[in-house]
């Protein structure tokens, strides 16, 4: 069996609902530019446009077949995780992402979806993850910086989240953030070549040196 362990999905139903019901999330601004969609969270600058290939399940099915891939592990798209939102709204946003992700993946069994959680609140992240695991998700994809452009994964505020991941033996996919917080990387594609690797290494080093992984040994 050939497994693609790193992919992202933005379900079509997720975008359609947001375009039609813009009052669902008061801190999220949906910006439509022709066929492209951007989102702005809590008054910040809009995200990158959502690429059509992130939502087109027919195109993805054809691509997986052409590549001979039997299974693809997919999380949401990081630009849309909304860690900058107020905590309660962020929890509702994560639940909405998870519901549409699970429904979208049902149409393509090769996709194994990872849940999204509101890392801006460890208590709410724990609750949303517990719900997602009970709904059939096997794990979660999280960013390296729980406040969006800052923060650390070993923050004591996140202990309730880590307790659930350990207690329920969940799989945790740690993913670098987009900007990485260093303006020197804004050129020559250094964000990809240097920034994201460094961002991930720093986050994982803190989990190792803080003893975090010994305190919560049950997760994968």
C-alpha atoms as a PDB file:
ATOM      1  CA  UNK A   1       0.000   0.000   0.000  1.00  0.00           C
ATOM      2  CA  UNK A   2       1.290   3.492  -0.905  1.00  0.00           C
ATOM      3  CA  UNK A   3       0.360   6.236   1.589  1.00  0.00           C
ATOM      4  CA  UNK A   4       0.747   9.978   1.061  1.00  0.00           C
ATOM      5  CA  UNK A   5       1.277  11.257   4.614  1.00  0.00           C
ATOM      6  CA  UNK A   6       1.022  15.014   4.011  1.00  0.00           C
ATOM      7  CA  UNK A   7      -1.877  16.678   2.202  1.00  0.00           C
ATOM      8  CA  UNK A   8      -4.466  19.423   2.724  1.00  0.00           C
ATOM      9  CA  UNK A   9      -8.167  19.693   1.882  1.00  0.00           C
ATOM     10  CA  UNK A  10     -10.608  22.611   1.839  1.00  0.00           C
ATOM     11  CA  UNK A  11     -14.022  20.968   1.313  1.00  0.00           C
ATOM     12  CA  UNK A  12     -16.254  22.582  -1.295  1.00  0.00           C
ATOM     13  CA  UNK A  13     -19.161  22.614   1.169  1.00  0.00           C
ATOM     14  CA  UNK A  14     -17.003  24.593   3.607  1.00  0.00           C
ATOM     15  CA  UNK A  15     -16.483  27.389   1.069  1.00  0.00           C
ATOM     16  CA  UNK A  16     -20.053  27.325  -0.234  1.00  0.00           C
ATOM     17  CA  UNK A  17     -21.527  27.660   3.257  1.00  0.00           C
ATOM     18  CA  UNK A  18     -19.226  30.546   4.168  1.00  0.00           C
ATOM     19  CA  UNK A  19     -20.074  32.431   0.975  1.00  0.00           C
ATOM     20  CA  UNK A  20     -23.812  31.972   1.558  1.00  0.00           C
ATOM     21  CA  UNK A  21     -23.896  32.505   5.344  1.00  0.00           C
ATOM     22  CA  UNK A  22     -21.343  35.223   6.053  1.00  0.00           C
ATOM     23  CA  UNK A  23     -22.826  36.003   9.470  1.00  0.00           C
ATOM     24  CA  UNK A  24     -21.919  32.580  10.865  1.00  0.00           C
ATOM     25  CA  UNK A  25     -18.543  33.807  12.108  1.00  0.00           C
ATOM     26  CA  UNK A  26     -18.436  37.535  12.911  1.00  0.00           C
ATOM     27  CA  UNK A  27     -14.611  37.675  13.130  1.00  0.00           C
ATOM     28  CA  UNK A  28     -14.100  36.032   9.735  1.00  0.00           C
ATOM     29  CA  UNK A  29     -14.256  38.132   6.568  1.00  0.00           C
ATOM     30  CA  UNK A  30     -14.743  36.230   3.314  1.00  0.00           C
ATOM     31  CA  UNK A  31     -13.163  38.012   0.346  1.00  0.00           C
ATOM     32  CA  UNK A  32     -14.269  36.827  -3.111  1.00  0.00           C
ATOM     33  CA  UNK A  33     -12.093  37.775  -6.083  1.00  0.00           C
ATOM     34  CA  UNK A  34     -13.634  36.227  -9.177  1.00  0.00           C
ATOM     35  CA  UNK A  35     -13.399  32.471  -8.660  1.00  0.00           C
ATOM     36  CA  UNK A  36     -10.854  32.880  -5.847  1.00  0.00           C
ATOM     37  CA  UNK A  37     -11.644  33.072  -2.134  1.00  0.00           C
ATOM     38  CA  UNK A  38      -9.559  34.624   0.620  1.00  0.00           C
ATOM     39  CA  UNK A  39     -10.346  34.966   4.312  1.00  0.00           C
ATOM     40  CA  UNK A  40      -9.304  37.497   6.914  1.00  0.00           C
ATOM     41  CA  UNK A  41      -9.364  36.584  10.604  1.00  0.00           C
ATOM     42  CA  UNK A  42      -9.937  39.033  13.444  1.00  0.00           C
ATOM     43  CA  UNK A  43      -9.093  42.086  11.324  1.00  0.00           C
ATOM     44  CA  UNK A  44      -5.775  40.753  10.013  1.00  0.00           C
ATOM     45  CA  UNK A  45      -4.667  40.720   6.369  1.00  0.00           C
ATOM     46  CA  UNK A  46      -6.454  38.248   4.049  1.00  0.00           C
ATOM     47  CA  UNK A  47      -5.004  34.795   3.525  1.00  0.00           C
ATOM     48  CA  UNK A  48      -3.659  33.468   0.261  1.00  0.00           C
ATOM     49  CA  UNK A  49      -6.397  32.499  -2.254  1.00  0.00           C
ATOM     50  CA  UNK A  50      -7.750  29.001  -1.762  1.00  0.00           C
ATOM     51  CA  UNK A  51      -6.402  26.989  -4.700  1.00  0.00           C
ATOM     52  CA  UNK A  52      -9.160  25.113  -6.607  1.00  0.00           C
ATOM     53  CA  UNK A  53      -7.228  21.855  -6.362  1.00  0.00           C
ATOM     54  CA  UNK A  54      -7.676  21.929  -2.578  1.00  0.00           C
ATOM     55  CA  UNK A  55     -11.443  21.561  -3.006  1.00  0.00           C
ATOM     56  CA  UNK A  56     -11.880  19.571  -6.232  1.00  0.00           C
ATOM     57  CA  UNK A  57     -12.318  15.966  -5.087  1.00  0.00           C
ATOM     58  CA  UNK A  58     -12.714  14.692  -8.664  1.00  0.00           C
ATOM     59  CA  UNK A  59      -9.336  16.158  -9.601  1.00  0.00           C
ATOM     60  CA  UNK A  60      -7.797  14.716  -6.438  1.00  0.00           C
ATOM     61  CA  UNK A  61      -9.238  11.258  -7.085  1.00  0.00           C
ATOM     62  CA  UNK A  62      -7.814  11.274 -10.610  1.00  0.00           C
ATOM     63  CA  UNK A  63      -4.418  12.448  -9.343  1.00  0.00           C
ATOM     64  CA  UNK A  64      -4.271   9.807  -6.604  1.00  0.00           C
ATOM     65  CA  UNK A  65      -5.090   7.133  -9.174  1.00  0.00           C
ATOM     66  CA  UNK A  66      -2.478   8.383 -11.619  1.00  0.00           C
ATOM     67  CA  UNK A  67       0.176   8.387  -8.884  1.00  0.00           C
ATOM     68  CA  UNK A  68      -0.806   4.945  -7.607  1.00  0.00           C
ATOM     69  CA  UNK A  69      -1.542   6.309  -4.126  1.00  0.00           C
ATOM     70  CA  UNK A  70      -3.905   4.147  -2.074  1.00  0.00           C
ATOM     71  CA  UNK A  71      -4.351   6.419   0.941  1.00  0.00           C
ATOM     72  CA  UNK A  72      -3.830  10.120   1.602  1.00  0.00           C
ATOM     73  CA  UNK A  73      -3.657  11.593   5.110  1.00  0.00           C
ATOM     74  CA  UNK A  74      -5.073  15.116   4.872  1.00  0.00           C
ATOM     75  CA  UNK A  75      -5.579  18.008   7.249  1.00  0.00           C
ATOM     76  CA  UNK A  76      -7.219  21.338   6.622  1.00  0.00           C
ATOM     77  CA  UNK A  77      -5.336  24.187   4.957  1.00  0.00           C
ATOM     78  CA  UNK A  78      -3.205  26.112   7.436  1.00  0.00           C
ATOM     79  CA  UNK A  79      -4.168  29.561   6.220  1.00  0.00           C
ATOM     80  CA  UNK A  80      -7.681  28.782   7.454  1.00  0.00           C
ATOM     81  CA  UNK A  81      -7.059  27.342  10.922  1.00  0.00           C
ATOM     82  CA  UNK A  82      -8.091  30.617  12.548  1.00  0.00           C
ATOM     83  CA  UNK A  83      -5.882  30.531  15.652  1.00  0.00           C
ATOM     84  CA  UNK A  84      -6.275  34.337  15.775  1.00  0.00           C
ATOM     85  CA  UNK A  85     -10.038  34.145  16.427  1.00  0.00           C
ATOM     86  CA  UNK A  86     -11.576  34.688  19.875  1.00  0.00           C
ATOM     87  CA  UNK A  87     -11.475  31.285  21.636  1.00  0.00           C
ATOM     88  CA  UNK A  88     -15.175  30.409  21.608  1.00  0.00           C
ATOM     89  CA  UNK A  89     -15.557  31.473  17.983  1.00  0.00           C
ATOM     90  CA  UNK A  90     -12.367  29.576  17.173  1.00  0.00           C
ATOM     91  CA  UNK A  91     -13.870  26.421  18.675  1.00  0.00           C
ATOM     92  CA  UNK A  92     -17.015  26.789  16.558  1.00  0.00           C
ATOM     93  CA  UNK A  93     -14.827  27.431  13.508  1.00  0.00           C
ATOM     94  CA  UNK A  94     -12.811  24.249  14.149  1.00  0.00           C
ATOM     95  CA  UNK A  95     -15.981  22.216  14.605  1.00  0.00           C
ATOM     96  CA  UNK A  96     -17.318  23.589  11.316  1.00  0.00           C
ATOM     97  CA  UNK A  97     -14.076  22.663   9.547  1.00  0.00           C
ATOM     98  CA  UNK A  98     -14.198  19.155  11.004  1.00  0.00           C
ATOM     99  CA  UNK A  99     -17.822  18.569  10.026  1.00  0.00           C
ATOM    100  CA  UNK A 100     -17.258  19.606   6.422  1.00  0.00           C
ATOM    101  CA  UNK A 101     -13.914  17.770   6.240  1.00  0.00           C
ATOM    102  CA  UNK A 102     -15.489  14.513   7.390  1.00  0.00           C
ATOM    103  CA  UNK A 103     -18.423  14.899   4.984  1.00  0.00           C
ATOM    104  CA  UNK A 104     -16.108  15.729   2.071  1.00  0.00           C
ATOM    105  CA  UNK A 105     -13.813  12.793   2.781  1.00  0.00           C
ATOM    106  CA  UNK A 106     -16.789  10.429   2.776  1.00  0.00           C
ATOM    107  CA  UNK A 107     -17.010  10.932  -0.995  1.00  0.00           C
ATOM    108  CA  UNK A 108     -13.405   9.805  -1.437  1.00  0.00           C
ATOM    109  CA  UNK A 109     -12.529   6.890   0.902  1.00  0.00           C
ATOM    110  CA  UNK A 110      -8.811   7.157   0.074  1.00  0.00           C
ATOM    111  CA  UNK A 111      -8.732  10.415   2.087  1.00  0.00           C
ATOM    112  CA  UNK A 112      -8.108   9.931   5.813  1.00  0.00           C
ATOM    113  CA  UNK A 113      -8.900  13.311   7.410  1.00  0.00           C
ATOM    114  CA  UNK A 114      -7.146  14.862  10.392  1.00  0.00           C
ATOM    115  CA  UNK A 115      -9.136  17.105  12.716  1.00  0.00           C
ATOM    116  CA  UNK A 116      -8.602  20.809  13.398  1.00  0.00           C
ATOM    117  CA  UNK A 117      -8.668  22.274  16.933  1.00  0.00           C
ATOM    118  CA  UNK A 118      -8.624  25.822  18.378  1.00  0.00           C
ATOM    119  CA  UNK A 119      -5.085  25.907  19.793  1.00  0.00           C
ATOM    120  CA  UNK A 120      -5.656  29.442  21.114  1.00  0.00           C
ATOM    121  CA  UNK A 121      -7.361  27.719  24.073  1.00  0.00           C
ATOM    122  CA  UNK A 122      -6.057  24.459  25.514  1.00  0.00           C
ATOM    123  CA  UNK A 123      -9.368  23.770  27.242  1.00  0.00           C
ATOM    124  CA  UNK A 124     -11.418  24.217  24.079  1.00  0.00           C
ATOM    125  CA  UNK A 125      -8.841  22.400  21.936  1.00  0.00           C
ATOM    126  CA  UNK A 126      -9.191  19.410  24.263  1.00  0.00           C
ATOM    127  CA  UNK A 127     -12.981  19.453  23.986  1.00  0.00           C
ATOM    128  CA  UNK A 128     -13.013  19.778  20.195  1.00  0.00           C
ATOM    129  CA  UNK A 129     -10.399  17.029  19.773  1.00  0.00           C
ATOM    130  CA  UNK A 130     -12.316  14.679  22.076  1.00  0.00           C
ATOM    131  CA  UNK A 131     -15.448  15.257  19.987  1.00  0.00           C
ATOM    132  CA  UNK A 132     -13.559  14.725  16.729  1.00  0.00           C
ATOM    133  CA  UNK A 133     -11.951  11.470  17.875  1.00  0.00           C
ATOM    134  CA  UNK A 134     -15.362  10.188  18.975  1.00  0.00           C
ATOM    135  CA  UNK A 135     -16.741  11.151  15.539  1.00  0.00           C
ATOM    136  CA  UNK A 136     -14.183   8.943  13.779  1.00  0.00           C
ATOM    137  CA  UNK A 137     -11.095  11.091  13.248  1.00  0.00           C
ATOM    138  CA  UNK A 138      -7.868   9.247  14.044  1.00  0.00           C
ATOM    139  CA  UNK A 139      -5.789  12.308  14.778  1.00  0.00           C
ATOM    140  CA  UNK A 140      -5.266  16.033  14.507  1.00  0.00           C
ATOM    141  CA  UNK A 141      -3.118  18.462  12.530  1.00  0.00           C
ATOM    142  CA  UNK A 142      -1.802  21.398  14.559  1.00  0.00           C
ATOM    143  CA  UNK A 143       0.421  24.387  13.887  1.00  0.00           C
ATOM    144  CA  UNK A 144       3.754  25.076  15.561  1.00  0.00           C
ATOM    145  CA  UNK A 145       2.587  28.445  16.935  1.00  0.00           C
ATOM    146  CA  UNK A 146      -0.731  28.222  18.781  1.00  0.00           C
ATOM    147  CA  UNK A 147      -1.418  31.969  18.706  1.00  0.00           C
ATOM    148  CA  UNK A 148      -1.119  32.117  14.922  1.00  0.00           C
ATOM    149  CA  UNK A 149       2.191  33.959  14.653  1.00  0.00           C
ATOM    150  CA  UNK A 150       3.587  33.331  18.118  1.00  0.00           C
ATOM    151  CA  UNK A 151       3.402  30.975  21.082  1.00  0.00           C
ATOM    152  CA  UNK A 152       4.867  27.559  21.934  1.00  0.00           C
ATOM    153  CA  UNK A 153       3.373  24.081  21.991  1.00  0.00           C
ATOM    154  CA  UNK A 154       4.709  23.412  25.508  1.00  0.00           C
ATOM    155  CA  UNK A 155       2.660  26.324  26.918  1.00  0.00           C
ATOM    156  CA  UNK A 156       0.949  25.042  30.125  1.00  0.00           C
ATOM    157  CA  UNK A 157      -2.353  26.404  28.775  1.00  0.00           C
ATOM    158  CA  UNK A 158      -2.287  23.562  26.240  1.00  0.00           C
ATOM    159  CA  UNK A 159      -1.931  20.792  28.841  1.00  0.00           C
ATOM    160  CA  UNK A 160      -5.649  19.825  28.634  1.00  0.00           C
ATOM    161  CA  UNK A 161      -5.226  19.299  24.877  1.00  0.00           C
ATOM    162  CA  UNK A 162      -2.120  17.166  25.337  1.00  0.00           C
ATOM    163  CA  UNK A 163      -3.872  15.139  28.051  1.00  0.00           C
ATOM    164  CA  UNK A 164      -6.568  14.163  25.542  1.00  0.00           C
ATOM    165  CA  UNK A 165      -4.048  13.309  22.811  1.00  0.00           C
ATOM    166  CA  UNK A 166      -2.122  11.104  25.228  1.00  0.00           C
ATOM    167  CA  UNK A 167      -5.112   9.521  26.939  1.00  0.00           C
ATOM    168  CA  UNK A 168      -6.795   8.642  23.652  1.00  0.00           C
ATOM    169  CA  UNK A 169      -3.546   7.710  21.866  1.00  0.00           C
ATOM    170  CA  UNK A 170      -4.253  10.177  19.079  1.00  0.00           C
ATOM    171  CA  UNK A 171      -1.950  10.869  16.151  1.00  0.00           C
ATOM    172  CA  UNK A 172      -0.655  14.469  16.135  1.00  0.00           C
ATOM    173  CA  UNK A 173       0.697  15.969  12.904  1.00  0.00           C
ATOM    174  CA  UNK A 174       2.809  19.034  13.764  1.00  0.00           C
ATOM    175  CA  UNK A 175       2.886  21.426  10.803  1.00  0.00           C
ATOM    176  CA  UNK A 176       4.903  24.651  10.368  1.00  0.00           C
ATOM    177  CA  UNK A 177       3.081  27.959  10.159  1.00  0.00           C
ATOM    178  CA  UNK A 178       3.081  29.904   6.897  1.00  0.00           C
ATOM    179  CA  UNK A 179       4.931  33.085   7.824  1.00  0.00           C
ATOM    180  CA  UNK A 180       7.375  31.703  10.418  1.00  0.00           C
ATOM    181  CA  UNK A 181       7.777  35.227  11.875  1.00  0.00           C
ATOM    182  CA  UNK A 182      11.085  36.232  10.277  1.00  0.00           C
ATOM    183  CA  UNK A 183      11.073  38.995   7.645  1.00  0.00           C
ATOM    184  CA  UNK A 184      14.502  37.910   6.394  1.00  0.00           C
ATOM    185  CA  UNK A 185      12.794  34.930   4.781  1.00  0.00           C
ATOM    186  CA  UNK A 186      10.624  37.097   2.488  1.00  0.00           C
ATOM    187  CA  UNK A 187      12.542  36.342  -0.691  1.00  0.00           C
ATOM    188  CA  UNK A 188      14.161  33.552  -2.693  1.00  0.00           C
ATOM    189  CA  UNK A 189      11.502  31.101  -1.401  1.00  0.00           C
ATOM    190  CA  UNK A 190      13.396  30.962   1.895  1.00  0.00           C
ATOM    191  CA  UNK A 191      10.094  30.471   3.723  1.00  0.00           C
ATOM    192  CA  UNK A 192      10.006  26.947   2.278  1.00  0.00           C
ATOM    193  CA  UNK A 193      13.739  26.306   2.028  1.00  0.00           C
ATOM    194  CA  UNK A 194      14.628  27.457   5.554  1.00  0.00           C
ATOM    195  CA  UNK A 195      11.745  28.947   7.530  1.00  0.00           C
ATOM    196  CA  UNK A 196       9.301  26.092   7.827  1.00  0.00           C
ATOM    197  CA  UNK A 197      11.957  23.514   8.622  1.00  0.00           C
ATOM    198  CA  UNK A 198      13.420  25.771  11.312  1.00  0.00           C
ATOM    199  CA  UNK A 199       9.950  26.515  12.681  1.00  0.00           C
ATOM    200  CA  UNK A 200       9.141  22.814  13.038  1.00  0.00           C
ATOM    201  CA  UNK A 201      12.547  21.937  14.518  1.00  0.00           C
ATOM    202  CA  UNK A 202      12.184  24.690  17.129  1.00  0.00           C
ATOM    203  CA  UNK A 203       8.691  23.545  18.129  1.00  0.00           C
ATOM    204  CA  UNK A 204       9.737  19.899  18.435  1.00  0.00           C
ATOM    205  CA  UNK A 205      12.943  20.784  20.318  1.00  0.00           C
ATOM    206  CA  UNK A 206      10.873  22.628  22.924  1.00  0.00           C
ATOM    207  CA  UNK A 207       8.616  19.582  23.336  1.00  0.00           C
ATOM    208  CA  UNK A 208      11.681  17.365  23.795  1.00  0.00           C
ATOM    209  CA  UNK A 209      13.757  19.566  26.114  1.00  0.00           C
ATOM    210  CA  UNK A 210      10.794  20.593  28.277  1.00  0.00           C
ATOM    211  CA  UNK A 211      10.033  16.950  29.040  1.00  0.00           C
ATOM    212  CA  UNK A 212       6.637  17.398  27.406  1.00  0.00           C
ATOM    213  CA  UNK A 213       6.741  14.110  25.501  1.00  0.00           C
ATOM    214  CA  UNK A 214       7.508  12.227  28.722  1.00  0.00           C
ATOM    215  CA  UNK A 215       4.549  13.833  30.478  1.00  0.00           C
ATOM    216  CA  UNK A 216       2.190  12.886  27.637  1.00  0.00           C
ATOM    217  CA  UNK A 217       3.599   9.614  26.271  1.00  0.00           C
ATOM    218  CA  UNK A 218       0.425   8.086  24.840  1.00  0.00           C
ATOM    219  CA  UNK A 219       0.162  10.128  21.628  1.00  0.00           C
ATOM    220  CA  UNK A 220       1.697   9.242  18.296  1.00  0.00           C
END
